Amino acid sequence: MKKLAILLSVLLIVSACTPQYESDEEVVQEEEETNPEEQTTKIIPNRYNEDDYQTIVPYKPSAARGTITGQVANGYDVDELELGLIRHAKDTFSPDDYLFQEGQYLDEGTIFDWIDSLNPPNKNSKKKKYHEENPRIFSHVLEHNYLVRTKDNRVELGGIAIGIALKSEYSFSIEGNSYSTDISYDEMLSKGKEVTNSLLSRIRDIEELENVPVMVALYRENSNNAIIPGNFVAKTVVEPLSQQVQDWDSINENHVLFPSDEAQENYYDQYELMNEFTQQVQTFFPNYTGVIGRGFYEGDQLRNMSINIPIEFYGQQEVVAFSQHLYSLIIEYFPTSYDVEITVESPNQQEALIYRKAGEENPSVHIYE
């Protein structure tokens, strides 16, 4: 394993980021598949970031572990669907009151059955028009569980979050030829709401999920070959026992690629900033132009700028010097109102990570040897 060298204050980083295990908490969780008397003692490690959820150790993987990668084609969408669902669940299930656990009630077979039954029949039709007029928009359902502490140092299910993935582009094959058709926003949203109503009745048929609140978030996937993820578009909370959505809250967030036509047209200030930043990178490596930025916006507010710089180095000192250059550029060019993260990669490995959280003045630098 490669040694991690940290340019900035090793002791400070370790003390700030290492969980304090001396304050770990022991709890009892009943196993659903066993008798109520058969219970398992679990550990809740102390969290090091108050905005994150605590989890239970030993960690319980999802009952549908790995299913998402076969249903959602774009890896960026896979990550955003999982992490974004947690982000939106915090409005309903506060990390101060709930523990996180991966979904334990919807297994792979259940998810596949629901996807097949709630999409148009796949008749293996050889007619292109049939597929274009009957796209299979609903691609995946992701389940997360949220646990609460009860008396006698126990934990039990307090609610669930459901992420429904919906396609913006439907791909299909006929006799070895590949085709695709675009899915409009309105058609996607209508399908998502229809799927939600059908899923709620099925969810309530599961005894353990009958009497808990359900947060549902609709996610519009990006195209299969995109290098940024899609976006969550709407969410709702359904009260215990209910099988009906009362209303939906729109979600106004967007992932933007820099450089791109969208960035130039709709986010011009950041577009120009990224151009200037790229020019400054080129002052260090004059023949290099491959800076790629990905901005995450909530409404009109930029919350995170993630920058990737793939480059080939010919010595460790080049990496150190280049990282110092980037450190200075973050301070000079990027305001402190949003997170900034820069990854530097050579063809074979990640070479450096420079990041700064919103509100902080100085970045942190990690160099891999």
Protein backbone atom coordinates (compact mmCIF):
# COMPACT_ATOMS: atom_id res chain seq x y z
CA MET A 1 0.00 0.00 0.00
CA LYS A 2 1.33 3.40 -0.94
CA LYS A 3 2.43 5.68 1.84
CA LEU A 4 0.35 8.83 2.24
CA ALA A 5 2.42 11.93 2.87
CA ILE A 6 0.55 14.92 4.20
CA LEU A 7 2.02 18.32 3.58
CA LEU A 8 -0.12 20.05 6.18
CA SER A 9 -0.21 19.40 9.93
CA VAL A 10 -0.48 15.65 10.31
CA LEU A 11 -1.41 15.81 13.96
CA LEU A 12 -4.16 18.35 13.38
CA ILE A 13 -5.77 16.29 10.62
CA VAL A 14 -5.60 13.07 12.61
CA SER A 15 -7.06 14.59 15.75
CA ALA A 16 -9.86 16.27 13.82
CA CYS A 17 -10.88 13.33 11.66
CA THR A 18 -10.37 10.21 13.75
CA PRO A 19 -13.51 8.85 15.48
CA GLN A 20 -13.23 8.81 19.27
CA TYR A 21 -13.85 5.13 19.90
CA GLU A 22 -13.63 5.47 23.66
CA SER A 23 -17.17 6.88 23.53
CA ASP A 24 -18.61 4.15 21.32
CA GLU A 25 -22.12 3.10 22.27
CA GLU A 26 -23.45 -0.45 22.54
CA VAL A 27 -27.03 -1.10 21.49
CA VAL A 28 -29.27 -4.10 20.86
CA GLN A 29 -30.90 -4.71 17.50
CA GLU A 30 -33.43 -7.49 16.96
CA GLU A 31 -32.84 -9.61 13.89
CA GLU A 32 -35.99 -9.78 11.79
CA GLU A 33 -35.38 -13.32 10.58
CA THR A 34 -34.95 -14.75 14.07
CA ASN A 35 -37.09 -15.02 17.17
CA PRO A 36 -37.51 -11.75 19.08
CA GLU A 37 -35.53 -13.28 21.91
CA GLU A 38 -32.54 -13.73 19.62
CA GLN A 39 -30.89 -10.34 19.55
CA THR A 40 -27.53 -8.99 18.45
CA THR A 41 -25.41 -6.43 20.26
CA LYS A 42 -24.12 -3.75 17.91
CA ILE A 43 -21.68 -0.86 18.24
CA ILE A 44 -22.42 2.73 17.25
CA PRO A 45 -19.05 4.47 16.65
CA ASN A 46 -18.89 8.12 17.60
CA ARG A 47 -19.23 10.32 14.50
CA TYR A 48 -16.47 12.78 13.64
CA ASN A 49 -18.72 15.11 11.60
CA GLU A 50 -21.98 16.28 13.13
CA ASP A 51 -23.56 16.54 9.67
CA ASP A 52 -23.07 12.82 8.96
CA TYR A 53 -25.11 9.87 10.12
CA GLN A 54 -23.81 7.39 12.63
CA THR A 55 -23.96 3.77 11.52
CA ILE A 56 -24.02 0.45 13.32
CA VAL A 57 -21.05 -1.95 13.46
CA PRO A 58 -20.87 -4.64 12.19
CA TYR A 59 -22.10 -2.95 9.03
CA LYS A 60 -25.06 -4.58 7.27
CA PRO A 61 -24.88 -4.35 3.46
CA SER A 62 -28.02 -3.74 1.45
CA ALA A 63 -30.35 -6.65 0.78
CA ALA A 64 -30.00 -5.66 -2.89
CA ARG A 65 -26.26 -5.07 -2.79
CA GLY A 66 -24.79 -4.43 -6.25
CA THR A 67 -28.14 -4.28 -8.02
CA ILE A 68 -27.84 -0.55 -8.73
CA THR A 69 -24.78 -0.94 -10.98
CA GLY A 70 -26.73 -3.17 -13.35
CA GLN A 71 -29.75 -0.87 -13.47
CA VAL A 72 -28.16 2.59 -13.66
CA ALA A 73 -25.77 2.79 -16.59
CA ASN A 74 -23.78 5.91 -15.69
CA GLY A 75 -21.37 5.56 -12.78
CA TYR A 76 -21.75 9.25 -11.90
CA ASP A 77 -25.49 8.66 -11.53
CA VAL A 78 -24.85 5.67 -9.26
CA ASP A 79 -22.83 7.81 -6.86
CA GLU A 80 -25.20 10.76 -6.90
CA LEU A 81 -28.30 8.60 -6.44
CA GLU A 82 -26.80 7.02 -3.33
CA LEU A 83 -25.17 10.09 -1.78
CA GLY A 84 -27.87 12.52 -2.87
CA LEU A 85 -30.62 10.38 -1.33
CA ILE A 86 -28.79 10.61 2.00
CA ARG A 87 -28.43 14.36 1.56
CA HIS A 88 -32.15 14.85 0.98
CA ALA A 89 -33.15 12.42 3.73
CA LYS A 90 -31.54 14.72 6.30
CA ASP A 91 -34.48 17.13 5.99
CA THR A 92 -36.77 14.35 7.26
CA PHE A 93 -34.47 12.12 9.30
CA SER A 94 -32.02 14.36 11.16
CA PRO A 95 -28.55 12.89 11.82
CA ASP A 96 -29.01 14.09 15.40
CA ASP A 97 -31.93 11.71 15.92
CA TYR A 98 -31.49 8.85 13.44
CA LEU A 99 -28.85 6.27 12.54
CA PHE A 100 -28.21 5.18 8.97
CA GLN A 101 -28.47 1.62 7.66
CA GLU A 102 -28.56 0.35 4.11
CA GLY A 103 -31.89 -1.01 2.92
CA GLN A 104 -32.78 -4.38 4.44
CA TYR A 105 -36.29 -5.00 3.08
CA LEU A 106 -36.15 -4.73 -0.73
CA ASP A 107 -33.98 -7.49 -2.17
CA GLU A 108 -32.81 -7.91 -5.74
CA GLY A 109 -35.73 -10.10 -6.79
CA THR A 110 -38.28 -7.68 -5.38
CA ILE A 111 -36.67 -4.71 -7.14
CA PHE A 112 -36.53 -6.51 -10.50
CA ASP A 113 -40.18 -7.57 -10.16
CA TRP A 114 -41.27 -4.03 -9.43
CA ILE A 115 -39.27 -2.55 -12.31
CA ASP A 116 -40.69 -5.06 -14.78
CA SER A 117 -44.28 -4.68 -13.60
CA LEU A 118 -44.23 -0.86 -13.57
CA ASN A 119 -42.60 -0.41 -16.98
CA PRO A 120 -44.17 -1.12 -20.39
CA PRO A 121 -43.86 -4.79 -21.35
CA ASN A 122 -40.56 -5.69 -22.97
CA LYS A 123 -41.88 -7.71 -25.87
CA ASN A 124 -38.52 -8.02 -27.62
CA SER A 125 -40.25 -6.15 -30.39
CA LYS A 126 -38.33 -5.65 -33.63
CA LYS A 127 -40.23 -2.46 -34.29
CA LYS A 128 -38.28 0.67 -33.47
CA LYS A 129 -41.49 2.66 -33.16
CA TYR A 130 -42.75 0.38 -30.37
CA HIS A 131 -39.69 1.07 -28.21
CA GLU A 132 -39.79 4.80 -28.93
CA GLU A 133 -43.45 5.01 -27.93
CA ASN A 134 -43.10 2.69 -24.92
CA PRO A 135 -39.80 3.56 -23.23
CA ARG A 136 -38.89 1.80 -19.99
CA ILE A 137 -38.26 4.96 -17.97
CA PHE A 138 -38.24 3.51 -14.44
CA SER A 139 -34.77 2.00 -13.97
CA HIS A 140 -34.16 1.47 -10.24
CA VAL A 141 -35.46 1.86 -6.71
CA LEU A 142 -32.92 2.48 -3.94
CA GLU A 143 -33.80 1.87 -0.28
CA HIS A 144 -32.16 3.40 2.80
CA ASN A 145 -33.20 2.71 6.40
CA TYR A 146 -33.14 5.15 9.31
CA LEU A 147 -33.02 3.78 12.85
CA VAL A 148 -33.96 5.36 16.17
CA ARG A 149 -32.87 4.62 19.71
CA THR A 150 -35.55 3.38 22.07
CA LYS A 151 -35.64 2.54 25.76
CA ASP A 152 -33.31 -0.09 27.20
CA ASN A 153 -30.53 0.84 24.76
CA ARG A 154 -32.24 -0.63 21.70
CA VAL A 155 -32.57 0.53 18.11
CA GLU A 156 -35.46 -0.01 15.73
CA LEU A 157 -36.59 1.14 12.31
CA GLY A 158 -37.79 4.75 12.41
CA GLY A 159 -38.30 5.45 8.71
CA ILE A 160 -37.11 4.72 5.19
CA ALA A 161 -35.97 6.74 2.19
CA ILE A 162 -36.68 5.60 -1.35
CA GLY A 163 -34.83 6.92 -4.39
CA ILE A 164 -36.55 6.31 -7.73
CA ALA A 165 -34.20 6.49 -10.72
CA LEU A 166 -35.76 7.60 -14.02
CA LYS A 167 -34.14 7.75 -17.43
CA SER A 168 -33.60 10.84 -19.53
CA GLU A 169 -32.44 8.64 -22.42
CA TYR A 170 -33.80 5.17 -23.22
CA SER A 171 -31.44 2.85 -25.08
CA PHE A 172 -32.54 -0.33 -26.84
CA SER A 173 -31.29 -2.83 -29.43
CA ILE A 174 -32.97 -4.38 -32.47
CA GLU A 175 -31.20 -7.20 -34.31
CA GLY A 176 -27.80 -6.06 -33.10
CA ASN A 177 -28.34 -2.39 -33.85
CA SER A 178 -28.39 0.12 -31.00
CA TYR A 179 -30.83 3.01 -30.73
CA SER A 180 -31.83 5.58 -28.17
CA THR A 181 -34.67 8.00 -27.63
CA ASP A 182 -34.78 11.05 -25.39
CA ILE A 183 -37.26 11.21 -22.53
CA SER A 184 -38.73 14.64 -21.90
CA TYR A 185 -38.66 16.12 -18.41
CA ASP A 186 -42.44 16.14 -18.17
CA GLU A 187 -42.77 12.51 -19.27
CA MET A 188 -40.09 11.47 -16.80
CA LEU A 189 -41.71 13.37 -13.93
CA SER A 190 -45.17 11.99 -14.69
CA LYS A 191 -43.79 8.45 -14.75
CA GLY A 192 -41.98 9.01 -11.47
CA LYS A 193 -45.14 10.13 -9.70
CA GLU A 194 -47.07 7.21 -11.15
CA VAL A 195 -44.39 4.75 -10.01
CA THR A 196 -44.37 6.27 -6.52
CA ASN A 197 -48.09 5.67 -6.01
CA SER A 198 -47.72 2.05 -7.11
CA LEU A 199 -44.66 1.45 -4.96
CA LEU A 200 -46.24 2.85 -1.80
CA SER A 201 -48.96 0.21 -1.73
CA ARG A 202 -46.34 -2.50 -2.23
CA ILE A 203 -44.10 -1.03 0.46
CA ARG A 204 -46.97 -0.98 2.96
CA ASP A 205 -47.59 -4.67 2.25
CA ILE A 206 -44.24 -5.36 3.93
CA GLU A 207 -45.13 -5.70 7.61
CA GLU A 208 -42.06 -3.88 8.97
CA LEU A 209 -42.65 -0.92 6.62
CA GLU A 210 -46.36 -0.49 7.26
CA ASN A 211 -46.14 2.03 10.08
CA VAL A 212 -43.08 4.19 9.35
CA PRO A 213 -42.69 7.46 7.43
CA VAL A 214 -41.40 7.11 3.87
CA MET A 215 -39.37 9.83 2.16
CA VAL A 216 -39.43 9.46 -1.63
CA ALA A 217 -37.10 11.35 -3.99
CA LEU A 218 -37.26 11.26 -7.80
CA TYR A 219 -33.95 11.25 -9.67
CA ARG A 220 -33.49 12.06 -13.36
CA GLU A 221 -30.47 10.21 -14.74
CA ASN A 222 -28.07 11.82 -17.17
CA SER A 223 -27.27 10.25 -20.54
CA ASN A 224 -25.24 7.06 -20.45
CA ASN A 225 -21.98 8.65 -21.62
CA ALA A 226 -22.19 11.89 -19.63
CA ILE A 227 -19.29 12.78 -17.33
CA ILE A 228 -21.50 14.51 -14.77
CA PRO A 229 -24.52 13.05 -12.96
CA GLY A 230 -28.16 13.93 -13.36
CA ASN A 231 -30.26 15.56 -10.66
CA PHE A 232 -32.93 14.95 -8.07
CA VAL A 233 -36.06 16.74 -9.23
CA ALA A 234 -38.78 16.23 -6.58
CA LYS A 235 -39.40 14.69 -3.17
CA THR A 236 -42.19 13.99 -0.73
CA VAL A 237 -42.79 12.50 2.71
CA VAL A 238 -45.59 9.98 3.25
CA GLU A 239 -46.83 9.59 6.79
CA PRO A 240 -47.01 6.19 8.55
CA LEU A 241 -49.77 3.87 7.20
CA SER A 242 -50.51 6.23 4.29
CA GLN A 243 -50.28 4.98 0.71
CA GLN A 244 -50.94 8.33 -0.97
CA VAL A 245 -48.72 11.28 -1.79
CA GLN A 246 -50.32 14.53 -0.63
CA ASP A 247 -47.97 16.88 -2.48
CA TRP A 248 -44.52 17.09 -4.02
CA ASP A 249 -41.68 19.53 -3.31
CA SER A 250 -39.63 20.53 -6.33
CA ILE A 251 -35.85 20.19 -6.05
CA ASN A 252 -33.83 22.85 -7.83
CA GLU A 253 -30.28 21.55 -8.14
CA ASN A 254 -27.93 21.02 -11.03
CA HIS A 255 -24.55 19.50 -11.86
CA VAL A 256 -22.65 21.55 -14.43
CA LEU A 257 -19.60 20.65 -16.49
CA PHE A 258 -16.81 23.21 -16.95
CA PRO A 259 -16.09 24.04 -19.70
CA SER A 260 -19.40 23.53 -21.52
CA ASP A 261 -22.00 25.51 -23.44
CA GLU A 262 -24.37 25.27 -20.47
CA ALA A 263 -21.74 26.71 -18.14
CA GLN A 264 -20.99 29.58 -20.50
CA GLU A 265 -24.66 30.40 -21.01
CA ASN A 266 -26.05 29.97 -17.50
CA TYR A 267 -23.10 30.25 -15.11
CA TYR A 268 -20.88 32.77 -16.82
CA ASP A 269 -19.03 34.08 -13.75
CA GLN A 270 -17.83 30.61 -12.76
CA TYR A 271 -17.17 29.81 -16.42
CA GLU A 272 -14.77 32.77 -16.68
CA LEU A 273 -13.18 31.94 -13.33
CA MET A 274 -12.49 28.39 -14.48
CA ASN A 275 -10.98 29.71 -17.72
CA GLU A 276 -8.62 31.94 -15.75
CA PHE A 277 -7.76 29.08 -13.42
CA THR A 278 -6.97 26.84 -16.43
CA GLN A 279 -4.70 29.51 -17.87
CA GLN A 280 -2.81 29.67 -14.59
CA VAL A 281 -2.41 25.88 -14.59
CA GLN A 282 -0.90 26.24 -18.04
CA THR A 283 1.73 28.63 -16.71
CA PHE A 284 3.15 25.64 -14.84
CA PHE A 285 2.71 23.12 -17.68
CA PRO A 286 2.44 25.28 -20.85
CA ASN A 287 1.35 22.44 -23.13
CA TYR A 288 -1.40 21.19 -20.83
CA THR A 289 -5.11 22.15 -21.21
CA GLY A 290 -7.07 19.28 -19.64
CA VAL A 291 -8.71 20.88 -16.59
CA ILE A 292 -12.21 19.47 -16.01
CA GLY A 293 -14.54 21.06 -13.48
CA ARG A 294 -17.86 19.82 -12.10
CA GLY A 295 -19.99 22.31 -10.21
CA PHE A 296 -22.92 21.40 -7.97
CA TYR A 297 -25.61 24.09 -7.64
CA GLU A 298 -28.57 24.38 -5.31
CA GLY A 299 -30.75 26.97 -6.97
CA ASP A 300 -28.37 29.67 -8.14
CA GLN A 301 -25.84 28.97 -5.39
CA LEU A 302 -22.68 27.03 -6.16
CA ARG A 303 -22.07 24.58 -3.31
CA ASN A 304 -19.15 22.55 -4.58
CA MET A 305 -16.58 22.77 -7.34
CA SER A 306 -14.74 19.53 -8.03
CA ILE A 307 -11.79 19.79 -10.41
CA ASN A 308 -9.85 16.96 -12.02
CA ILE A 309 -6.41 17.45 -13.55
CA PRO A 310 -4.98 14.40 -15.34
CA ILE A 311 -1.30 14.88 -16.09
CA GLU A 312 1.91 12.89 -16.46
CA PHE A 313 4.75 13.63 -14.07
CA TYR A 314 8.46 12.80 -14.34
CA GLY A 315 9.41 13.00 -10.71
CA GLN A 316 7.99 13.39 -7.22
CA GLN A 317 9.24 16.93 -6.89
CA GLU A 318 7.09 17.92 -9.86
CA VAL A 319 4.04 16.69 -7.95
CA VAL A 320 5.03 18.66 -4.85
CA ALA A 321 5.70 21.85 -6.79
CA PHE A 322 2.51 21.55 -8.83
CA SER A 323 0.44 20.95 -5.67
CA GLN A 324 1.93 24.07 -4.08
CA HIS A 325 0.95 25.99 -7.23
CA LEU A 326 -2.63 24.73 -7.00
CA TYR A 327 -2.73 25.58 -3.29
CA SER A 328 -1.96 29.20 -4.13
CA LEU A 329 -4.46 29.29 -7.00
CA ILE A 330 -7.33 28.13 -4.77
CA ILE A 331 -6.62 30.98 -2.35
CA GLU A 332 -6.29 33.51 -5.18
CA TYR A 333 -9.20 32.54 -7.44
CA PHE A 334 -11.90 30.71 -5.51
CA PRO A 335 -14.19 32.41 -2.98
CA THR A 336 -14.72 30.72 0.37
CA SER A 337 -18.50 30.45 -0.10
CA TYR A 338 -18.32 26.91 -1.50
CA ASP A 339 -16.25 23.73 -1.24
CA VAL A 340 -13.35 23.33 -3.66
CA GLU A 341 -11.66 20.01 -4.34
CA ILE A 342 -8.87 19.34 -6.84
CA THR A 343 -7.62 15.86 -7.70
CA VAL A 344 -4.38 15.46 -9.62
CA GLU A 345 -3.96 12.15 -11.44
CA SER A 346 -1.21 10.58 -13.49
CA PRO A 347 -2.01 7.74 -15.93
CA ASN A 348 -1.47 5.12 -13.20
CA GLN A 349 -2.62 6.65 -9.93
CA GLN A 350 -3.91 9.63 -8.01
CA GLU A 351 -1.01 11.91 -7.19
CA ALA A 352 -2.47 14.66 -5.01
CA LEU A 353 -5.62 16.00 -3.40
CA ILE A 354 -6.08 19.68 -2.56
CA TYR A 355 -9.35 20.69 -0.90
CA ARG A 356 -10.94 23.48 1.08
CA LYS A 357 -14.28 23.46 2.86
CA ALA A 358 -16.63 26.43 2.57
CA GLY A 359 -15.81 29.09 5.14
CA GLU A 360 -12.17 28.08 5.52
CA GLU A 361 -9.29 30.23 4.33
CA ASN A 362 -6.49 27.74 3.67
CA PRO A 363 -6.71 24.49 1.71
CA SER A 364 -5.44 21.11 2.86
CA VAL A 365 -2.99 19.19 0.68
CA HIS A 366 -2.42 15.42 0.50
CA ILE A 367 0.31 13.98 -1.70
CA TYR A 368 0.54 10.27 -2.45
CA GLU A 369 4.00 8.71 -2.74
